[in-house]
PDB file of N, CA and C in Angstrom:
ATOM      1  N   MET A   1      -9.075  12.306   4.664  1.00  0.00           N
ATOM      2  CA  MET A   1      -9.224  11.083   3.921  1.00  0.00           C
ATOM      3  C   MET A   1      -8.955   9.907   4.853  1.00  0.00           C
ATOM      4  N   ASP A   2      -9.840   8.953   4.845  1.00  0.00           N
ATOM      5  CA  ASP A   2      -9.685   7.735   5.625  1.00  0.00           C
ATOM      6  C   ASP A   2      -9.283   6.614   4.674  1.00  0.00           C
ATOM      7  N   TRP A   3      -8.112   6.015   4.902  1.00  0.00           N
ATOM      8  CA  TRP A   3      -7.639   4.966   4.001  1.00  0.00           C
ATOM      9  C   TRP A   3      -8.628   3.819   3.896  1.00  0.00           C
ATOM     10  N   LYS A   4      -9.448   3.614   4.912  1.00  0.00           N
ATOM     11  CA  LYS A   4     -10.421   2.514   4.906  1.00  0.00           C
ATOM     12  C   LYS A   4     -11.487   2.693   3.832  1.00  0.00           C
ATOM     13  N   ASP A   5     -11.638   3.908   3.337  1.00  0.00           N
ATOM     14  CA  ASP A   5     -12.593   4.158   2.254  1.00  0.00           C
ATOM     15  C   ASP A   5     -12.041   3.692   0.908  1.00  0.00           C
ATOM     16  N   ARG A   6     -10.721   3.482   0.814  1.00  0.00           N
ATOM     17  CA  ARG A   6     -10.092   3.170  -0.469  1.00  0.00           C
ATOM     18  C   ARG A   6      -9.367   1.829  -0.509  1.00  0.00           C
ATOM     19  N   ILE A   7      -9.171   1.215   0.651  1.00  0.00           N
ATOM     20  CA  ILE A   7      -8.452  -0.059   0.722  1.00  0.00           C
ATOM     21  C   ILE A   7      -9.421  -1.118   1.240  1.00  0.00           C
ATOM     22  N   SER A   8      -9.409  -2.296   0.600  1.00  0.00           N
ATOM     23  CA  SER A   8     -10.309  -3.363   1.040  1.00  0.00           C
ATOM     24  C   SER A   8      -9.629  -4.714   0.909  1.00  0.00           C
ATOM     25  N   VAL A   9     -10.240  -5.693   1.548  1.00  0.00           N
ATOM     26  CA  VAL A   9      -9.774  -7.073   1.493  1.00  0.00           C
ATOM     27  C   VAL A   9     -10.960  -7.933   1.098  1.00  0.00           C
ATOM     28  N   ASN A  10     -10.741  -8.789   0.105  1.00  0.00           N
ATOM     29  CA  ASN A  10     -11.780  -9.716  -0.339  1.00  0.00           C
ATOM     30  C   ASN A  10     -11.089 -11.055  -0.564  1.00  0.00           C
ATOM     31  N   PRO A  11     -11.509 -12.090   0.170  1.00  0.00           N
ATOM     32  CA  PRO A  11     -10.851 -13.391   0.016  1.00  0.00           C
ATOM     33  C   PRO A  11     -10.849 -13.919  -1.419  1.00  0.00           C
ATOM     34  N   ALA A  12     -11.772 -13.456  -2.245  1.00  0.00           N
ATOM     35  CA  ALA A  12     -11.860 -13.917  -3.631  1.00  0.00           C
ATOM     36  C   ALA A  12     -10.994 -13.097  -4.586  1.00  0.00           C
ATOM     37  N   VAL A  13     -10.340 -12.062  -4.080  1.00  0.00           N
ATOM     38  CA  VAL A  13      -9.516 -11.189  -4.923  1.00  0.00           C
ATOM     39  C   VAL A  13      -8.086 -11.189  -4.395  1.00  0.00           C
ATOM     40  N   CYS A  14      -7.151 -11.535  -5.246  1.00  0.00           N
ATOM     41  CA  CYS A  14      -5.722 -11.514  -4.905  1.00  0.00           C
ATOM     42  C   CYS A  14      -5.412 -12.257  -3.610  1.00  0.00           C
ATOM     43  N   HIS A  15      -6.078 -13.399  -3.448  1.00  0.00           N
ATOM     44  CA  HIS A  15      -5.840 -14.265  -2.281  1.00  0.00           C
ATOM     45  C   HIS A  15      -6.064 -13.539  -0.953  1.00  0.00           C
ATOM     46  N   GLY A  16      -6.964 -12.567  -0.947  1.00  0.00           N
ATOM     47  CA  GLY A  16      -7.297 -11.861   0.285  1.00  0.00           C
ATOM     48  C   GLY A  16      -6.300 -10.790   0.697  1.00  0.00           C
ATOM     49  N   LYS A  17      -5.383 -10.432  -0.187  1.00  0.00           N
ATOM     50  CA  LYS A  17      -4.423  -9.366   0.116  1.00  0.00           C
ATOM     51  C   LYS A  17      -5.122  -8.012   0.021  1.00  0.00           C
ATOM     52  N   ALA A  18      -4.631  -7.043   0.774  1.00  0.00           N
ATOM     53  CA  ALA A  18      -5.196  -5.695   0.736  1.00  0.00           C
ATOM     54  C   ALA A  18      -5.009  -5.094  -0.654  1.00  0.00           C
ATOM     55  N   CYS A  19      -6.107  -4.602  -1.213  1.00  0.00           N
ATOM     56  CA  CYS A  19      -6.109  -4.011  -2.563  1.00  0.00           C
ATOM     57  C   CYS A  19      -6.797  -2.656  -2.530  1.00  0.00           C
ATOM     58  N   VAL A  20      -6.514  -1.868  -3.549  1.00  0.00           N
ATOM     59  CA  VAL A  20      -7.265  -0.639  -3.750  1.00  0.00           C
ATOM     60  C   VAL A  20      -8.689  -1.066  -4.092  1.00  0.00           C
ATOM     61  N   ARG A  21      -9.640  -0.519  -3.359  1.00  0.00           N
ATOM     62  CA  ARG A  21     -11.046  -0.923  -3.490  1.00  0.00           C
ATOM     63  C   ARG A  21     -11.502  -0.886  -4.952  1.00  0.00           C
ATOM     64  N   GLY A  22     -12.153  -1.979  -5.355  1.00  0.00           N
ATOM     65  CA  GLY A  22     -12.702  -2.065  -6.700  1.00  0.00           C
ATOM     66  C   GLY A  22     -11.687  -2.439  -7.768  1.00  0.00           C
ATOM     67  N   THR A  23     -10.457  -2.758  -7.353  1.00  0.00           N
ATOM     68  CA  THR A  23      -9.419  -3.137  -8.314  1.00  0.00           C
ATOM     69  C   THR A  23      -8.728  -4.414  -7.836  1.00  0.00           C
ATOM     70  N   ARG A  24      -7.808  -4.894  -8.644  1.00  0.00           N
ATOM     71  CA  ARG A  24      -6.939  -5.995  -8.256  1.00  0.00           C
ATOM     72  C   ARG A  24      -5.524  -5.477  -8.012  1.00  0.00           C
ATOM     73  N   ILE A  25      -5.411  -4.186  -7.747  1.00  0.00           N
ATOM     74  CA  ILE A  25      -4.109  -3.567  -7.486  1.00  0.00           C
ATOM     75  C   ILE A  25      -3.819  -3.696  -5.994  1.00  0.00           C
ATOM     76  N   MET A  26      -2.834  -4.538  -5.690  1.00  0.00           N
ATOM     77  CA  MET A  26      -2.501  -4.764  -4.287  1.00  0.00           C
ATOM     78  C   MET A  26      -1.759  -3.559  -3.710  1.00  0.00           C
ATOM     79  N   VAL A  27      -2.064  -3.257  -2.463  1.00  0.00           N
ATOM     80  CA  VAL A  27      -1.386  -2.169  -1.759  1.00  0.00           C
ATOM     81  C   VAL A  27       0.120  -2.398  -1.780  1.00  0.00           C
ATOM     82  N   SER A  28       0.535  -3.646  -1.619  1.00  0.00           N
ATOM     83  CA  SER A  28       1.972  -3.942  -1.606  1.00  0.00           C
ATOM     84  C   SER A  28       2.643  -3.545  -2.920  1.00  0.00           C
ATOM     85  N   VAL A  29       1.941  -3.659  -4.035  1.00  0.00           N
ATOM     86  CA  VAL A  29       2.502  -3.260  -5.330  1.00  0.00           C
ATOM     87  C   VAL A  29       2.717  -1.746  -5.368  1.00  0.00           C
ATOM     88  N   VAL A  30       1.748  -1.014  -4.874  1.00  0.00           N
ATOM     89  CA  VAL A  30       1.878   0.453  -4.834  1.00  0.00           C
ATOM     90  C   VAL A  30       3.052   0.835  -3.939  1.00  0.00           C
ATOM     91  N   LEU A  31       3.121   0.237  -2.746  1.00  0.00           N
ATOM     92  CA  LEU A  31       4.199   0.566  -1.817  1.00  0.00           C
ATOM     93  C   LEU A  31       5.563   0.135  -2.350  1.00  0.00           C
ATOM     94  N   ASP A  32       5.632  -1.029  -2.993  1.00  0.00           N
ATOM     95  CA  ASP A  32       6.894  -1.476  -3.592  1.00  0.00           C
ATOM     96  C   ASP A  32       7.379  -0.488  -4.651  1.00  0.00           C
ATOM     97  N   ASN A  33       6.463  -0.001  -5.462  1.00  0.00           N
ATOM     98  CA  ASN A  33       6.826   0.982  -6.486  1.00  0.00           C
ATOM     99  C   ASN A  33       7.350   2.262  -5.858  1.00  0.00           C
ATOM    100  N   LEU A  34       6.659   2.754  -4.848  1.00  0.00           N
ATOM    101  CA  LEU A  34       7.108   3.972  -4.172  1.00  0.00           C
ATOM    102  C   LEU A  34       8.473   3.759  -3.525  1.00  0.00           C
ATOM    103  N   ALA A  35       8.657   2.615  -2.877  1.00  0.00           N
ATOM    104  CA  ALA A  35       9.936   2.317  -2.216  1.00  0.00           C
ATOM    105  C   ALA A  35      11.073   2.214  -3.231  1.00  0.00           C
ATOM    106  N   ALA A  36      10.757   1.796  -4.437  1.00  0.00           N
ATOM    107  CA  ALA A  36      11.763   1.676  -5.495  1.00  0.00           C
ATOM    108  C   ALA A  36      12.059   3.014  -6.165  1.00  0.00           C
ATOM    109  N   GLY A  37      11.351   4.061  -5.744  1.00  0.00           N
ATOM    110  CA  GLY A  37      11.594   5.387  -6.308  1.00  0.00           C
ATOM    111  C   GLY A  37      10.783   5.715  -7.539  1.00  0.00           C
ATOM    112  N   VAL A  38       9.803   4.879  -7.848  1.00  0.00           N
ATOM    113  CA  VAL A  38       8.947   5.159  -9.003  1.00  0.00           C
ATOM    114  C   VAL A  38       8.081   6.374  -8.666  1.00  0.00           C
ATOM    115  N   GLU A  39       8.048   7.323  -9.551  1.00  0.00           N
ATOM    116  CA  GLU A  39       7.268   8.542  -9.300  1.00  0.00           C
ATOM    117  C   GLU A  39       5.778   8.247  -9.373  1.00  0.00           C
ATOM    118  N   ARG A  40       5.030   9.027  -8.622  1.00  0.00           N
ATOM    119  CA  ARG A  40       3.573   8.844  -8.576  1.00  0.00           C
ATOM    120  C   ARG A  40       2.958   8.877  -9.974  1.00  0.00           C
ATOM    121  N   ALA A  41       3.402   9.802 -10.792  1.00  0.00           N
ATOM    122  CA  ALA A  41       2.845   9.924 -12.149  1.00  0.00           C
ATOM    123  C   ALA A  41       3.059   8.639 -12.943  1.00  0.00           C
ATOM    124  N   ALA A  42       4.205   8.007 -12.767  1.00  0.00           N
ATOM    125  CA  ALA A  42       4.491   6.760 -13.477  1.00  0.00           C
ATOM    126  C   ALA A  42       3.609   5.624 -12.956  1.00  0.00           C
ATOM    127  N   ILE A  43       3.381   5.593 -11.653  1.00  0.00           N
ATOM    128  CA  ILE A  43       2.499   4.571 -11.075  1.00  0.00           C
ATOM    129  C   ILE A  43       1.086   4.760 -11.610  1.00  0.00           C
ATOM    130  N   LEU A  44       0.619   5.996 -11.625  1.00  0.00           N
ATOM    131  CA  LEU A  44      -0.729   6.285 -12.127  1.00  0.00           C
ATOM    132  C   LEU A  44      -0.847   5.941 -13.604  1.00  0.00           C
ATOM    133  N   SER A  45       0.216   6.150 -14.354  1.00  0.00           N
ATOM    134  CA  SER A  45       0.212   5.810 -15.776  1.00  0.00           C
ATOM    135  C   SER A  45       0.182   4.295 -15.990  1.00  0.00           C
ATOM    136  N   SER A  46       0.896   3.574 -15.128  1.00  0.00           N
ATOM    137  CA  SER A  46       0.941   2.106 -15.233  1.00  0.00           C
ATOM    138  C   SER A  46      -0.369   1.449 -14.819  1.00  0.00           C
ATOM    139  N   TYR A  47      -1.093   2.094 -13.939  1.00  0.00           N
ATOM    140  CA  TYR A  47      -2.358   1.558 -13.420  1.00  0.00           C
ATOM    141  C   TYR A  47      -3.448   2.606 -13.617  1.00  0.00           C
ATOM    142  N   PRO A  48      -4.038   2.679 -14.824  1.00  0.00           N
ATOM    143  CA  PRO A  48      -4.988   3.745 -15.152  1.00  0.00           C
ATOM    144  C   PRO A  48      -6.197   3.849 -14.220  1.00  0.00           C
ATOM    145  N   SER A  49      -6.585   2.759 -13.576  1.00  0.00           N
ATOM    146  CA  SER A  49      -7.745   2.837 -12.680  1.00  0.00           C
ATOM    147  C   SER A  49      -7.378   3.423 -11.319  1.00  0.00           C
ATOM    148  N   LEU A  50      -6.101   3.603 -11.070  1.00  0.00           N
ATOM    149  CA  LEU A  50      -5.622   4.151  -9.799  1.00  0.00           C
ATOM    150  C   LEU A  50      -5.778   5.660  -9.784  1.00  0.00           C
ATOM    151  N   GLN A  51      -6.187   6.192  -8.646  1.00  0.00           N
ATOM    152  CA  GLN A  51      -6.325   7.636  -8.456  1.00  0.00           C
ATOM    153  C   GLN A  51      -5.227   8.113  -7.502  1.00  0.00           C
ATOM    154  N   PRO A  52      -4.845   9.383  -7.565  1.00  0.00           N
ATOM    155  CA  PRO A  52      -3.828   9.893  -6.633  1.00  0.00           C
ATOM    156  C   PRO A  52      -4.169   9.613  -5.160  1.00  0.00           C
ATOM    157  N   ALA A  53      -5.437   9.723  -4.805  1.00  0.00           N
ATOM    158  CA  ALA A  53      -5.844   9.462  -3.425  1.00  0.00           C
ATOM    159  C   ALA A  53      -5.635   7.993  -3.037  1.00  0.00           C
ATOM    160  N   ASP A  54      -5.630   7.093  -4.020  1.00  0.00           N
ATOM    161  CA  ASP A  54      -5.374   5.687  -3.737  1.00  0.00           C
ATOM    162  C   ASP A  54      -3.938   5.481  -3.282  1.00  0.00           C
ATOM    163  N   ILE A  55      -3.010   6.222  -3.861  1.00  0.00           N
ATOM    164  CA  ILE A  55      -1.614   6.143  -3.441  1.00  0.00           C
ATOM    165  C   ILE A  55      -1.480   6.653  -2.017  1.00  0.00           C
ATOM    166  N   ASP A  56      -2.148   7.756  -1.719  1.00  0.00           N
ATOM    167  CA  ASP A  56      -2.140   8.284  -0.347  1.00  0.00           C
ATOM    168  C   ASP A  56      -2.721   7.263   0.620  1.00  0.00           C
ATOM    169  N   ALA A  57      -3.797   6.603   0.224  1.00  0.00           N
ATOM    170  CA  ALA A  57      -4.431   5.597   1.082  1.00  0.00           C
ATOM    171  C   ALA A  57      -3.501   4.412   1.308  1.00  0.00           C
ATOM    172  N   ALA A  58      -2.768   3.995   0.275  1.00  0.00           N
ATOM    173  CA  ALA A  58      -1.820   2.893   0.419  1.00  0.00           C
ATOM    174  C   ALA A  58      -0.718   3.258   1.418  1.00  0.00           C
ATOM    175  N   LEU A  59      -0.236   4.484   1.345  1.00  0.00           N
ATOM    176  CA  LEU A  59       0.774   4.947   2.298  1.00  0.00           C
ATOM    177  C   LEU A  59       0.213   4.988   3.722  1.00  0.00           C
ATOM    178  N   ALA A  60      -1.000   5.483   3.862  1.00  0.00           N
ATOM    179  CA  ALA A  60      -1.624   5.548   5.187  1.00  0.00           C
ATOM    180  C   ALA A  60      -1.857   4.148   5.755  1.00  0.00           C
ATOM    181  N   TYR A  61      -2.248   3.215   4.903  1.00  0.00           N
ATOM    182  CA  TYR A  61      -2.435   1.829   5.327  1.00  0.00           C
ATOM    183  C   TYR A  61      -1.097   1.242   5.792  1.00  0.00           C
ATOM    184  N   GLY A  62      -0.037   1.478   5.034  1.00  0.00           N
ATOM    185  CA  GLY A  62       1.284   1.000   5.422  1.00  0.00           C
ATOM    186  C   GLY A  62       1.740   1.608   6.738  1.00  0.00           C
ATOM    187  N   ALA A  63       1.467   2.887   6.940  1.00  0.00           N
ATOM    188  CA  ALA A  63       1.822   3.539   8.203  1.00  0.00           C
ATOM    189  C   ALA A  63       1.049   2.929   9.366  1.00  0.00           C
ATOM    190  N   GLU A  64      -0.211   2.625   9.134  1.00  0.00           N
ATOM    191  CA  GLU A  64      -1.036   1.994  10.175  1.00  0.00           C
ATOM    192  C   GLU A  64      -0.457   0.628  10.551  1.00  0.00           C
ATOM    193  N   LEU A  65      -0.061  -0.142   9.556  1.00  0.00           N
ATOM    194  CA  LEU A  65       0.548  -1.443   9.836  1.00  0.00           C
ATOM    195  C   LEU A  65       1.838  -1.286  10.629  1.00  0.00           C
ATOM    196  N   ALA A  66       2.641  -0.289  10.281  1.00  0.00           N
ATOM    197  CA  ALA A  66       3.904  -0.064  10.984  1.00  0.00           C
ATOM    198  C   ALA A  66       3.669   0.328  12.442  1.00  0.00           C
ATOM    199  N   ARG A  67       2.600   1.081  12.694  1.00  0.00           N
ATOM    200  CA  ARG A  67       2.271   1.473  14.068  1.00  0.00           C
ATOM    201  C   ARG A  67       1.742   0.303  14.876  1.00  0.00           C
ATOM    202  N   GLU A  68       0.925  -0.508  14.243  1.00  0.00           N
ATOM    203  CA  GLU A  68       0.208  -1.556  14.957  1.00  0.00           C
ATOM    204  C   GLU A  68       0.888  -2.918  14.917  1.00  0.00           C
ATOM    205  N   GLY A  69       1.675  -3.165  13.886  1.00  0.00           N
ATOM    206  CA  GLY A  69       2.266  -4.487  13.714  1.00  0.00           C
ATOM    207  C   GLY A  69       3.687  -4.555  14.231  1.00  0.00           C
ATOM    208  N   MET A  70       4.154  -5.765  14.358  1.00  0.00           N
ATOM    209  CA  MET A  70       5.530  -5.998  14.774  1.00  0.00           C
ATOM    210  C   MET A  70       6.185  -6.900  13.738  1.00  0.00           C
ATOM    211  N   MET A  71       7.439  -6.665  13.490  1.00  0.00           N
ATOM    212  CA  MET A  71       8.200  -7.496  12.574  1.00  0.00           C
ATOM    213  C   MET A  71       9.573  -7.689  13.209  1.00  0.00           C
ATOM    214  N   SER A  72      10.112  -8.858  13.063  1.00  0.00           N
ATOM    215  CA  SER A  72      11.419  -9.131  13.619  1.00  0.00           C
ATOM    216  C   SER A  72      12.478  -8.353  12.847  1.00  0.00           C
ATOM    217  N   LEU A  73      13.192  -7.476  13.542  1.00  0.00           N
ATOM    218  CA  LEU A  73      14.256  -6.672  12.945  1.00  0.00           C
ATOM    219  C   LEU A  73      15.532  -6.874  13.740  1.00  0.00           C
ATOM    220  N   PRO A  74      16.677  -6.696  13.111  1.00  0.00           N
ATOM    221  CA  PRO A  74      17.924  -6.819  13.866  1.00  0.00           C
ATOM    222  C   PRO A  74      18.012  -5.707  14.913  1.00  0.00           C
ATOM    223  N   VAL A  75      18.536  -6.060  16.070  1.00  0.00           N
ATOM    224  CA  VAL A  75      18.670  -5.099  17.161  1.00  0.00           C
ATOM    225  C   VAL A  75      19.982  -4.349  16.979  1.00  0.00           C
ATOM    226  N   GLU A  76      19.903  -3.030  17.062  1.00  0.00           N
ATOM    227  CA  GLU A  76      21.102  -2.208  16.934  1.00  0.00           C
ATOM    228  C   GLU A  76      21.887  -2.255  18.231  1.00  0.00           C
ATOM    229  N   SER A  77      23.194  -2.265  18.109  1.00  0.00           N
ATOM    230  CA  SER A  77      24.023  -2.205  19.306  1.00  0.00           C
ATOM    231  C   SER A  77      24.781  -0.897  19.309  1.00  0.00           C
ATOM    232  N   GLY A  78      25.039  -0.382  20.482  1.00  0.00           N
ATOM    233  CA  GLY A  78      25.750   0.882  20.596  1.00  0.00           C
ATOM    234  C   GLY A  78      24.843   2.074  20.407  1.00  0.00           C
ATOM    235  N   ALA A  79      25.444   3.239  20.350  1.00  0.00           N
ATOM    236  CA  ALA A  79      24.663   4.457  20.254  1.00  0.00           C
ATOM    237  C   ALA A  79      24.538   4.963  18.874  1.00  0.00           C
TER     238      ALA A  79
END
């Protein structure tokens, strides 16, 4: 599965934020729910147009951003 088949950006939808293709469900909403411990079944129930593969694609997109992007984080000291 290629996340690019399920995630898209459209400047006219959700201010150009990454969304599940064909919906207004932002990837960040899916990832926020997962990070908060919401179970996949509950996310799918809350967003009926969402498919299980869309959740996988959102995770893969987030992983891609983590590999490719940089964010300012506190530097750890010591071992």
